[in-house]
Amino acid sequence: IASMAGLELYALEAEALAVTRALVKDNKKTICIVDIGVQSTTVNIIEGSILKKSFSFDFASGNQLTYAIASALDKGYADAEEIKQKQGLLSREKNVNETLYILIDPLLAEIKKISSEFYQVEGKEIEEIYLTGGTANLPGLKDYCAEVLKKKVEVPNCFTDFLYPPILNETLAEMSPRFSVAVGVSLQGLK
């Protein structure tokens, strides 16, 4: 692809390494990063800033959640996307909640399974879970994950080490999950 585009490749890097660099930094804990992407979800286990395990699987990405809401409420894609972004799991629409929980619960079951297998092999518990990717900001998702997984769950801000005007804090925190991989890749050349 690079050759056809007339580009000379400098480097290639797995997303798991980039997202680890952007979010974990010098944290010594055992962390599970759940990157909910457009096409798939990746679950990475990081111990002392080192990637130990990485699992990728198909999961109801943001688009699938939107289509499910559209179907449940008989609405168009744009209306369903707005409901997802503004209400998410906190929606008062019973159909929306049931639909989203049905799609999210298998992801949480997979995270439990991966955490259990890691404990059996390594003898170490996952201490924290980080959510990233476009769906990480789904209203109610962080709290629901914490409740089901019985772990501290965060949506970390990949921009925290950058200097920017304080007026941008809220905007960058909201944008962060969608840019964590890009920020991690860009940091590679700076370290």
N, C-alpha and C. Protein backbone atom coordinates (compact mmCIF):
# COMPACT_ATOMS: atom_id res chain seq x y z
N ILE A 1 0.84 -1.18 0.00
CA ILE A 1 0.00 0.00 0.00
C ILE A 1 0.89 1.25 0.00
N ALA A 2 1.92 1.24 0.84
CA ALA A 2 2.82 2.39 0.90
C ALA A 2 3.50 2.61 -0.44
N SER A 3 3.96 1.54 -1.05
CA SER A 3 4.63 1.64 -2.35
C SER A 3 3.69 2.20 -3.41
N MET A 4 2.45 1.70 -3.43
CA MET A 4 1.48 2.19 -4.41
C MET A 4 1.14 3.66 -4.18
N ALA A 5 1.24 4.12 -2.95
CA ALA A 5 0.95 5.51 -2.63
C ALA A 5 2.17 6.41 -2.81
N GLY A 6 3.29 5.79 -3.19
CA GLY A 6 4.50 6.57 -3.40
C GLY A 6 5.17 6.99 -2.10
N LEU A 7 4.92 6.24 -1.04
CA LEU A 7 5.50 6.57 0.26
C LEU A 7 6.64 5.61 0.59
N GLU A 8 7.60 6.10 1.32
CA GLU A 8 8.67 5.25 1.82
C GLU A 8 8.39 4.99 3.29
N LEU A 9 8.25 3.72 3.64
CA LEU A 9 7.93 3.37 5.02
C LEU A 9 9.11 3.65 5.93
N TYR A 10 8.80 4.30 7.04
CA TYR A 10 9.81 4.53 8.07
C TYR A 10 9.75 3.40 9.09
N ALA A 11 8.52 3.01 9.46
CA ALA A 11 8.33 1.95 10.44
C ALA A 11 6.88 1.48 10.42
N LEU A 12 6.67 0.30 10.91
CA LEU A 12 5.33 -0.24 11.16
C LEU A 12 5.27 -0.63 12.62
N GLU A 13 4.09 -0.46 13.21
CA GLU A 13 3.96 -0.79 14.62
C GLU A 13 2.56 -1.31 14.90
N ALA A 14 2.47 -2.29 15.76
CA ALA A 14 1.18 -2.82 16.17
C ALA A 14 0.46 -1.78 17.03
N GLU A 15 -0.84 -1.67 16.84
CA GLU A 15 -1.65 -0.72 17.61
C GLU A 15 -1.49 -0.94 19.11
N ALA A 16 -1.37 -2.20 19.53
CA ALA A 16 -1.27 -2.51 20.96
C ALA A 16 -0.06 -1.82 21.60
N LEU A 17 1.05 -1.75 20.88
CA LEU A 17 2.24 -1.09 21.42
C LEU A 17 2.04 0.42 21.49
N ALA A 18 1.41 0.98 20.48
CA ALA A 18 1.18 2.42 20.46
C ALA A 18 0.22 2.85 21.56
N VAL A 19 -0.87 2.12 21.73
CA VAL A 19 -1.84 2.49 22.76
C VAL A 19 -1.25 2.31 24.15
N THR A 20 -0.39 1.35 24.33
CA THR A 20 0.30 1.16 25.60
C THR A 20 1.18 2.37 25.90
N ARG A 21 1.94 2.80 24.90
CA ARG A 21 2.82 3.96 25.07
C ARG A 21 2.03 5.21 25.42
N ALA A 22 0.87 5.39 24.79
CA ALA A 22 0.07 6.60 25.00
C ALA A 22 -0.64 6.62 26.35
N LEU A 23 -1.07 5.46 26.83
CA LEU A 23 -1.93 5.45 28.01
C LEU A 23 -1.27 4.97 29.30
N VAL A 24 -0.36 4.05 29.21
CA VAL A 24 0.19 3.44 30.43
C VAL A 24 1.39 4.22 30.96
N LYS A 25 2.23 4.69 30.08
CA LYS A 25 3.42 5.46 30.43
C LYS A 25 4.28 4.69 31.43
N ASP A 26 4.51 5.22 32.62
CA ASP A 26 5.41 4.56 33.59
C ASP A 26 4.66 3.83 34.70
N ASN A 27 3.42 3.50 34.47
CA ASN A 27 2.60 2.82 35.47
C ASN A 27 3.14 1.40 35.69
N LYS A 28 3.32 1.01 36.91
CA LYS A 28 3.87 -0.32 37.24
C LYS A 28 2.79 -1.37 37.51
N LYS A 29 1.53 -0.97 37.45
CA LYS A 29 0.44 -1.90 37.73
C LYS A 29 0.19 -2.84 36.54
N THR A 30 -0.60 -3.87 36.81
CA THR A 30 -1.06 -4.76 35.74
C THR A 30 -2.38 -4.19 35.25
N ILE A 31 -2.39 -3.78 34.00
CA ILE A 31 -3.52 -3.04 33.43
C ILE A 31 -4.05 -3.78 32.21
N CYS A 32 -5.34 -3.75 32.06
CA CYS A 32 -6.01 -4.30 30.88
C CYS A 32 -6.54 -3.11 30.08
N ILE A 33 -6.05 -2.95 28.85
CA ILE A 33 -6.53 -1.89 27.97
C ILE A 33 -7.51 -2.51 26.99
N VAL A 34 -8.73 -2.00 26.99
CA VAL A 34 -9.77 -2.48 26.07
C VAL A 34 -9.96 -1.40 25.02
N ASP A 35 -9.50 -1.69 23.80
CA ASP A 35 -9.57 -0.74 22.68
C ASP A 35 -10.72 -1.16 21.77
N ILE A 36 -11.84 -0.45 21.91
CA ILE A 36 -13.05 -0.78 21.15
C ILE A 36 -13.02 0.03 19.86
N GLY A 37 -12.59 -0.62 18.79
CA GLY A 37 -12.43 0.05 17.51
C GLY A 37 -13.65 -0.06 16.61
N VAL A 38 -13.51 0.47 15.42
CA VAL A 38 -14.61 0.47 14.46
C VAL A 38 -14.88 -0.95 13.95
N GLN A 39 -13.83 -1.70 13.68
CA GLN A 39 -13.97 -3.03 13.11
C GLN A 39 -13.88 -4.16 14.13
N SER A 40 -13.08 -3.94 15.18
CA SER A 40 -12.87 -5.01 16.16
C SER A 40 -12.47 -4.40 17.50
N THR A 41 -12.34 -5.27 18.48
CA THR A 41 -11.90 -4.86 19.81
C THR A 41 -10.62 -5.62 20.14
N THR A 42 -9.69 -4.90 20.76
CA THR A 42 -8.44 -5.52 21.19
C THR A 42 -8.33 -5.37 22.71
N VAL A 43 -8.00 -6.46 23.36
CA VAL A 43 -7.79 -6.47 24.80
C VAL A 43 -6.30 -6.74 25.02
N ASN A 44 -5.63 -5.78 25.64
CA ASN A 44 -4.19 -5.88 25.88
C ASN A 44 -3.94 -5.90 27.38
N ILE A 45 -3.06 -6.81 27.80
CA ILE A 45 -2.68 -6.85 29.20
C ILE A 45 -1.25 -6.33 29.31
N ILE A 46 -1.10 -5.30 30.13
CA ILE A 46 0.17 -4.61 30.29
C ILE A 46 0.63 -4.80 31.73
N GLU A 47 1.88 -5.17 31.89
CA GLU A 47 2.44 -5.31 33.23
C GLU A 47 3.72 -4.48 33.31
N GLY A 48 3.71 -3.49 34.18
CA GLY A 48 4.88 -2.64 34.32
C GLY A 48 5.27 -1.95 33.02
N SER A 49 4.28 -1.46 32.28
CA SER A 49 4.47 -0.76 31.00
C SER A 49 4.91 -1.67 29.85
N ILE A 50 4.87 -2.99 30.06
CA ILE A 50 5.26 -3.94 29.02
C ILE A 50 4.04 -4.74 28.60
N LEU A 51 3.83 -4.83 27.29
CA LEU A 51 2.72 -5.61 26.75
C LEU A 51 3.00 -7.09 26.97
N LYS A 52 2.11 -7.74 27.72
CA LYS A 52 2.28 -9.17 28.03
C LYS A 52 1.42 -10.06 27.13
N LYS A 53 0.17 -9.63 26.90
CA LYS A 53 -0.77 -10.42 26.09
C LYS A 53 -1.63 -9.47 25.28
N SER A 54 -2.04 -9.91 24.11
CA SER A 54 -2.93 -9.12 23.29
C SER A 54 -3.91 -10.06 22.59
N PHE A 55 -5.18 -9.71 22.67
CA PHE A 55 -6.24 -10.51 22.07
C PHE A 55 -7.11 -9.60 21.22
N SER A 56 -7.43 -10.04 20.02
CA SER A 56 -8.29 -9.26 19.15
C SER A 56 -9.47 -10.13 18.73
N PHE A 57 -10.65 -9.53 18.75
CA PHE A 57 -11.85 -10.28 18.36
C PHE A 57 -12.92 -9.34 17.86
N ASP A 58 -13.87 -9.90 17.16
CA ASP A 58 -15.00 -9.11 16.68
C ASP A 58 -15.89 -8.79 17.87
N PHE A 59 -16.26 -7.56 17.97
CA PHE A 59 -17.19 -7.13 19.01
C PHE A 59 -18.06 -6.05 18.43
N ALA A 60 -19.26 -5.95 18.94
CA ALA A 60 -20.21 -4.92 18.49
C ALA A 60 -19.58 -3.55 18.64
N SER A 61 -18.96 -3.10 17.58
CA SER A 61 -18.31 -1.79 17.60
C SER A 61 -19.35 -0.69 17.66
N GLY A 62 -18.86 0.52 17.67
CA GLY A 62 -19.76 1.67 17.72
C GLY A 62 -20.82 1.65 16.64
N ASN A 63 -20.43 1.28 15.42
CA ASN A 63 -21.40 1.23 14.33
C ASN A 63 -22.47 0.18 14.59
N GLN A 64 -22.07 -0.96 15.09
CA GLN A 64 -23.04 -2.03 15.36
C GLN A 64 -24.00 -1.61 16.47
N LEU A 65 -23.49 -0.89 17.46
CA LEU A 65 -24.36 -0.41 18.53
C LEU A 65 -25.38 0.58 17.97
N THR A 66 -24.93 1.45 17.08
CA THR A 66 -25.83 2.42 16.46
C THR A 66 -26.90 1.72 15.65
N TYR A 67 -26.51 0.75 14.83
CA TYR A 67 -27.49 0.02 14.03
C TYR A 67 -28.49 -0.72 14.92
N ALA A 68 -28.02 -1.26 16.03
CA ALA A 68 -28.91 -1.97 16.95
C ALA A 68 -29.94 -1.01 17.56
N ILE A 69 -29.51 0.20 17.92
CA ILE A 69 -30.44 1.20 18.46
C ILE A 69 -31.44 1.61 17.39
N ALA A 70 -30.95 1.82 16.18
CA ALA A 70 -31.83 2.20 15.08
C ALA A 70 -32.90 1.14 14.86
N SER A 71 -32.50 -0.10 14.91
CA SER A 71 -33.44 -1.21 14.72
C SER A 71 -34.42 -1.31 15.88
N ALA A 72 -33.93 -1.17 17.11
CA ALA A 72 -34.79 -1.30 18.29
C ALA A 72 -35.83 -0.19 18.36
N LEU A 73 -35.48 1.00 17.88
CA LEU A 73 -36.39 2.14 17.98
C LEU A 73 -37.04 2.50 16.65
N ASP A 74 -36.69 1.75 15.60
CA ASP A 74 -37.19 2.04 14.26
C ASP A 74 -36.89 3.49 13.88
N LYS A 75 -35.61 3.86 14.03
CA LYS A 75 -35.14 5.21 13.71
C LYS A 75 -34.05 5.13 12.66
N GLY A 76 -33.72 6.27 12.08
CA GLY A 76 -32.63 6.35 11.14
C GLY A 76 -31.28 6.29 11.84
N TYR A 77 -30.24 6.07 11.04
CA TYR A 77 -28.89 5.93 11.59
C TYR A 77 -28.47 7.19 12.36
N ALA A 78 -28.70 8.37 11.80
CA ALA A 78 -28.28 9.62 12.43
C ALA A 78 -28.96 9.82 13.79
N ASP A 79 -30.26 9.54 13.86
CA ASP A 79 -30.98 9.67 15.13
C ASP A 79 -30.46 8.66 16.16
N ALA A 80 -30.21 7.44 15.70
CA ALA A 80 -29.71 6.40 16.60
C ALA A 80 -28.30 6.74 17.10
N GLU A 81 -27.47 7.31 16.24
CA GLU A 81 -26.11 7.71 16.63
C GLU A 81 -26.18 8.80 17.70
N GLU A 82 -27.08 9.73 17.55
CA GLU A 82 -27.24 10.80 18.54
C GLU A 82 -27.70 10.24 19.88
N ILE A 83 -28.64 9.30 19.86
CA ILE A 83 -29.11 8.66 21.09
C ILE A 83 -27.96 7.91 21.76
N LYS A 84 -27.18 7.20 20.97
CA LYS A 84 -26.05 6.44 21.51
C LYS A 84 -25.04 7.38 22.17
N GLN A 85 -24.67 8.45 21.48
CA GLN A 85 -23.65 9.36 22.00
C GLN A 85 -24.12 10.16 23.21
N LYS A 86 -25.38 10.55 23.23
CA LYS A 86 -25.87 11.40 24.31
C LYS A 86 -26.42 10.61 25.50
N GLN A 87 -27.01 9.44 25.23
CA GLN A 87 -27.67 8.69 26.30
C GLN A 87 -26.99 7.37 26.62
N GLY A 88 -26.59 6.63 25.60
CA GLY A 88 -25.92 5.34 25.79
C GLY A 88 -26.67 4.43 26.73
N LEU A 89 -25.93 3.85 27.70
CA LEU A 89 -26.52 2.93 28.66
C LEU A 89 -27.40 3.64 29.68
N LEU A 90 -27.38 4.95 29.67
CA LEU A 90 -28.19 5.74 30.61
C LEU A 90 -29.54 6.11 30.02
N SER A 91 -29.82 5.61 28.83
CA SER A 91 -31.08 5.94 28.16
C SER A 91 -32.27 5.45 28.99
N ARG A 92 -33.34 6.21 28.94
CA ARG A 92 -34.57 5.82 29.63
C ARG A 92 -35.43 4.93 28.75
N GLU A 93 -35.02 4.79 27.50
CA GLU A 93 -35.74 3.90 26.57
C GLU A 93 -35.37 2.45 26.90
N LYS A 94 -36.33 1.67 27.33
CA LYS A 94 -36.07 0.29 27.71
C LYS A 94 -35.44 -0.49 26.55
N ASN A 95 -35.94 -0.27 25.34
CA ASN A 95 -35.41 -0.99 24.17
C ASN A 95 -33.93 -0.68 23.94
N VAL A 96 -33.55 0.57 24.17
CA VAL A 96 -32.15 0.96 23.97
C VAL A 96 -31.27 0.25 25.00
N ASN A 97 -31.65 0.32 26.27
CA ASN A 97 -30.86 -0.32 27.33
C ASN A 97 -30.71 -1.82 27.09
N GLU A 98 -31.81 -2.49 26.85
CA GLU A 98 -31.76 -3.94 26.65
C GLU A 98 -30.88 -4.29 25.46
N THR A 99 -31.01 -3.54 24.38
CA THR A 99 -30.23 -3.79 23.18
C THR A 99 -28.74 -3.60 23.44
N LEU A 100 -28.38 -2.52 24.09
CA LEU A 100 -26.97 -2.25 24.36
C LEU A 100 -26.38 -3.27 25.33
N TYR A 101 -27.11 -3.61 26.37
CA TYR A 101 -26.59 -4.60 27.33
C TYR A 101 -26.38 -5.95 26.65
N ILE A 102 -27.28 -6.35 25.78
CA ILE A 102 -27.14 -7.62 25.07
C ILE A 102 -25.87 -7.64 24.23
N LEU A 103 -25.52 -6.48 23.66
CA LEU A 103 -24.32 -6.41 22.83
C LEU A 103 -23.04 -6.24 23.65
N ILE A 104 -23.11 -5.56 24.79
CA ILE A 104 -21.92 -5.27 25.59
C ILE A 104 -21.56 -6.43 26.52
N ASP A 105 -22.54 -7.16 27.01
CA ASP A 105 -22.26 -8.25 27.96
C ASP A 105 -21.29 -9.30 27.43
N PRO A 106 -21.35 -9.70 26.14
CA PRO A 106 -20.34 -10.65 25.65
C PRO A 106 -18.91 -10.11 25.71
N LEU A 107 -18.75 -8.81 25.50
CA LEU A 107 -17.43 -8.19 25.63
C LEU A 107 -16.93 -8.33 27.05
N LEU A 108 -17.79 -8.04 28.02
CA LEU A 108 -17.39 -8.13 29.42
C LEU A 108 -17.08 -9.57 29.82
N ALA A 109 -17.83 -10.50 29.28
CA ALA A 109 -17.56 -11.92 29.54
C ALA A 109 -16.18 -12.31 28.98
N GLU A 110 -15.85 -11.78 27.82
CA GLU A 110 -14.54 -12.06 27.21
C GLU A 110 -13.41 -11.45 28.05
N ILE A 111 -13.61 -10.26 28.56
CA ILE A 111 -12.60 -9.62 29.41
C ILE A 111 -12.41 -10.44 30.69
N LYS A 112 -13.50 -10.92 31.28
CA LYS A 112 -13.40 -11.77 32.48
C LYS A 112 -12.59 -13.03 32.17
N LYS A 113 -12.87 -13.65 31.03
CA LYS A 113 -12.18 -14.87 30.64
C LYS A 113 -10.69 -14.61 30.44
N ILE A 114 -10.35 -13.54 29.75
CA ILE A 114 -8.95 -13.19 29.51
C ILE A 114 -8.24 -12.89 30.83
N SER A 115 -8.91 -12.16 31.73
CA SER A 115 -8.33 -11.84 33.04
C SER A 115 -8.08 -13.10 33.86
N SER A 116 -9.04 -14.01 33.82
CA SER A 116 -8.91 -15.27 34.55
C SER A 116 -7.76 -16.12 34.01
N GLU A 117 -7.65 -16.21 32.69
CA GLU A 117 -6.56 -16.97 32.08
C GLU A 117 -5.21 -16.35 32.42
N PHE A 118 -5.14 -15.02 32.43
CA PHE A 118 -3.89 -14.35 32.77
C PHE A 118 -3.51 -14.67 34.22
N TYR A 119 -4.49 -14.65 35.10
CA TYR A 119 -4.22 -14.97 36.50
C TYR A 119 -3.74 -16.41 36.66
N GLN A 120 -4.36 -17.33 35.92
CA GLN A 120 -3.97 -18.74 36.03
C GLN A 120 -2.55 -18.97 35.54
N VAL A 121 -2.15 -18.28 34.47
CA VAL A 121 -0.82 -18.47 33.89
C VAL A 121 0.24 -17.65 34.64
N GLU A 122 -0.04 -16.40 34.92
CA GLU A 122 0.94 -15.48 35.49
C GLU A 122 0.84 -15.35 37.01
N GLY A 123 -0.31 -15.72 37.58
CA GLY A 123 -0.51 -15.57 39.01
C GLY A 123 -0.69 -14.13 39.45
N LYS A 124 -1.12 -13.27 38.52
CA LYS A 124 -1.30 -11.85 38.82
C LYS A 124 -2.68 -11.39 38.40
N GLU A 125 -3.28 -10.57 39.27
CA GLU A 125 -4.60 -10.01 38.99
C GLU A 125 -4.47 -8.75 38.14
N ILE A 126 -5.45 -8.53 37.30
CA ILE A 126 -5.58 -7.25 36.60
C ILE A 126 -5.98 -6.24 37.66
N GLU A 127 -5.24 -5.13 37.76
CA GLU A 127 -5.52 -4.14 38.80
C GLU A 127 -6.45 -3.04 38.31
N GLU A 128 -6.31 -2.64 37.05
CA GLU A 128 -7.14 -1.58 36.50
C GLU A 128 -7.49 -1.91 35.05
N ILE A 129 -8.57 -1.34 34.60
CA ILE A 129 -8.99 -1.50 33.20
C ILE A 129 -9.12 -0.12 32.59
N TYR A 130 -8.49 0.05 31.42
CA TYR A 130 -8.59 1.31 30.68
C TYR A 130 -9.45 1.06 29.45
N LEU A 131 -10.41 1.93 29.22
CA LEU A 131 -11.23 1.86 28.01
C LEU A 131 -10.72 2.92 27.03
N THR A 132 -10.59 2.55 25.77
CA THR A 132 -10.20 3.48 24.74
C THR A 132 -10.89 3.08 23.44
N GLY A 133 -10.71 3.87 22.41
CA GLY A 133 -11.45 3.68 21.16
C GLY A 133 -12.71 4.53 21.19
N GLY A 134 -13.32 4.72 20.06
CA GLY A 134 -14.46 5.61 19.94
C GLY A 134 -15.64 5.30 20.83
N THR A 135 -15.83 4.06 21.19
CA THR A 135 -16.98 3.67 22.01
C THR A 135 -16.70 3.84 23.51
N ALA A 136 -15.47 4.13 23.88
CA ALA A 136 -15.10 4.26 25.30
C ALA A 136 -15.92 5.33 26.02
N ASN A 137 -16.34 6.35 25.29
CA ASN A 137 -17.12 7.44 25.90
C ASN A 137 -18.62 7.18 25.92
N LEU A 138 -19.05 6.01 25.57
CA LEU A 138 -20.48 5.68 25.60
C LEU A 138 -21.00 5.96 27.02
N PRO A 139 -21.97 6.85 27.17
CA PRO A 139 -22.47 7.17 28.51
C PRO A 139 -22.89 5.91 29.28
N GLY A 140 -22.36 5.78 30.48
CA GLY A 140 -22.69 4.65 31.35
C GLY A 140 -21.78 3.45 31.20
N LEU A 141 -20.98 3.38 30.14
CA LEU A 141 -20.16 2.20 29.89
C LEU A 141 -19.09 2.00 30.97
N LYS A 142 -18.39 3.05 31.32
CA LYS A 142 -17.32 2.94 32.32
C LYS A 142 -17.86 2.40 33.64
N ASP A 143 -18.96 2.97 34.11
CA ASP A 143 -19.54 2.52 35.38
C ASP A 143 -20.07 1.10 35.30
N TYR A 144 -20.68 0.76 34.17
CA TYR A 144 -21.20 -0.60 34.01
C TYR A 144 -20.06 -1.61 34.00
N CYS A 145 -18.97 -1.29 33.30
CA CYS A 145 -17.81 -2.19 33.28
C CYS A 145 -17.25 -2.37 34.69
N ALA A 146 -17.14 -1.29 35.44
CA ALA A 146 -16.61 -1.37 36.81
C ALA A 146 -17.51 -2.24 37.68
N GLU A 147 -18.81 -2.09 37.51
CA GLU A 147 -19.77 -2.87 38.30
C GLU A 147 -19.68 -4.36 37.97
N VAL A 148 -19.64 -4.69 36.70
CA VAL A 148 -19.63 -6.10 36.28
C VAL A 148 -18.27 -6.75 36.52
N LEU A 149 -17.19 -6.03 36.20
CA LEU A 149 -15.85 -6.61 36.29
C LEU A 149 -15.22 -6.49 37.68
N LYS A 150 -15.85 -5.69 38.55
CA LYS A 150 -15.35 -5.50 39.92
C LYS A 150 -13.91 -5.01 39.93
N LYS A 151 -13.61 -4.06 39.04
CA LYS A 151 -12.28 -3.47 38.92
C LYS A 151 -12.43 -1.96 38.76
N LYS A 152 -11.35 -1.25 39.02
CA LYS A 152 -11.32 0.18 38.74
C LYS A 152 -11.23 0.33 37.22
N VAL A 153 -12.14 1.10 36.64
CA VAL A 153 -12.18 1.31 35.20
C VAL A 153 -12.02 2.80 34.92
N GLU A 154 -11.13 3.12 33.98
CA GLU A 154 -10.88 4.51 33.61
C GLU A 154 -10.95 4.68 32.10
N VAL A 155 -11.20 5.90 31.69
CA VAL A 155 -11.05 6.30 30.29
C VAL A 155 -9.93 7.34 30.32
N PRO A 156 -8.67 6.89 30.19
CA PRO A 156 -7.54 7.80 30.36
C PRO A 156 -7.42 8.80 29.21
N ASN A 157 -6.78 9.92 29.50
CA ASN A 157 -6.58 10.98 28.52
C ASN A 157 -5.16 10.87 27.97
N CYS A 158 -5.04 10.53 26.69
CA CYS A 158 -3.72 10.37 26.07
C CYS A 158 -2.99 11.70 25.88
N PHE A 159 -3.68 12.81 26.09
CA PHE A 159 -3.07 14.13 25.90
C PHE A 159 -2.51 14.74 27.19
N THR A 160 -2.53 14.01 28.29
CA THR A 160 -2.14 14.60 29.58
C THR A 160 -0.70 15.09 29.63
N ASP A 161 0.20 14.52 28.86
CA ASP A 161 1.60 14.93 28.90
C ASP A 161 1.90 16.08 27.94
N PHE A 162 0.90 16.59 27.27
CA PHE A 162 1.09 17.69 26.32
C PHE A 162 0.70 19.01 26.97
N LEU A 163 1.32 20.07 26.51
CA LEU A 163 0.95 21.40 26.96
C LEU A 163 -0.12 21.97 26.04
N TYR A 164 -1.20 22.43 26.64
CA TYR A 164 -2.28 23.05 25.87
C TYR A 164 -3.06 23.97 26.82
N PRO A 165 -3.79 24.90 26.25
CA PRO A 165 -4.55 25.82 27.10
C PRO A 165 -5.60 25.07 27.92
N PRO A 166 -5.78 25.44 29.18
CA PRO A 166 -6.75 24.77 30.05
C PRO A 166 -8.17 24.74 29.48
N ILE A 167 -8.50 25.70 28.64
CA ILE A 167 -9.85 25.73 28.05
C ILE A 167 -10.12 24.49 27.20
N LEU A 168 -9.06 23.79 26.77
CA LEU A 168 -9.21 22.59 25.93
C LEU A 168 -9.33 21.30 26.73
N ASN A 169 -9.21 21.35 28.07
CA ASN A 169 -9.23 20.13 28.89
C ASN A 169 -10.40 19.22 28.58
N GLU A 170 -11.59 19.75 28.63
CA GLU A 170 -12.79 18.93 28.43
C GLU A 170 -12.86 18.37 27.00
N THR A 171 -12.56 19.19 26.02
CA THR A 171 -12.60 18.75 24.63
C THR A 171 -11.59 17.65 24.35
N LEU A 172 -10.36 17.83 24.82
CA LEU A 172 -9.32 16.82 24.58
C LEU A 172 -9.60 15.53 25.34
N ALA A 173 -10.14 15.64 26.54
CA ALA A 173 -10.50 14.43 27.29
C ALA A 173 -11.57 13.64 26.54
N GLU A 174 -12.52 14.33 25.94
CA GLU A 174 -13.57 13.65 25.17
C GLU A 174 -13.02 13.04 23.88
N MET A 175 -12.07 13.72 23.24
CA MET A 175 -11.49 13.24 21.99
C MET A 175 -10.46 12.12 22.21
N SER A 176 -9.87 12.08 23.36
CA SER A 176 -8.75 11.20 23.65
C SER A 176 -8.93 9.73 23.23
N PRO A 177 -10.03 9.08 23.57
CA PRO A 177 -10.14 7.66 23.21
C PRO A 177 -10.01 7.40 21.70
N ARG A 178 -10.42 8.34 20.88
CA ARG A 178 -10.35 8.16 19.42
C ARG A 178 -8.93 8.41 18.90
N PHE A 179 -8.06 9.02 19.70
CA PHE A 179 -6.72 9.37 19.23
C PHE A 179 -5.59 8.66 19.97
N SER A 180 -5.90 7.75 20.86
CA SER A 180 -4.85 7.13 21.68
C SER A 180 -3.82 6.37 20.85
N VAL A 181 -4.25 5.68 19.81
CA VAL A 181 -3.30 4.95 18.97
C VAL A 181 -2.41 5.94 18.20
N ALA A 182 -3.02 6.97 17.61
CA ALA A 182 -2.25 7.96 16.85
C ALA A 182 -1.25 8.68 17.74
N VAL A 183 -1.66 9.04 18.94
CA VAL A 183 -0.74 9.70 19.88
C VAL A 183 0.40 8.76 20.25
N GLY A 184 0.07 7.50 20.51
CA GLY A 184 1.12 6.52 20.85
C GLY A 184 2.12 6.32 19.74
N VAL A 185 1.66 6.27 18.49
CA VAL A 185 2.57 6.12 17.36
C VAL A 185 3.46 7.36 17.24
N SER A 186 2.88 8.54 17.41
CA SER A 186 3.66 9.77 17.28
C SER A 186 4.69 9.90 18.40
N LEU A 187 4.41 9.35 19.56
CA LEU A 187 5.37 9.41 20.67
C LEU A 187 6.58 8.53 20.45
N GLN A 188 6.46 7.53 19.59
CA GLN A 188 7.58 6.60 19.34
C GLN A 188 8.84 7.35 18.95
N GLY A 189 8.73 8.32 18.09
CA GLY A 189 9.90 9.04 17.63
C GLY A 189 10.44 10.03 18.64
N LEU A 190 9.69 10.28 19.72
CA LEU A 190 10.10 11.28 20.69
C LEU A 190 10.80 10.71 21.91
N LYS A 191 10.76 9.40 22.06
CA LYS A 191 11.35 8.79 23.27
C LYS A 191 12.73 8.27 23.00
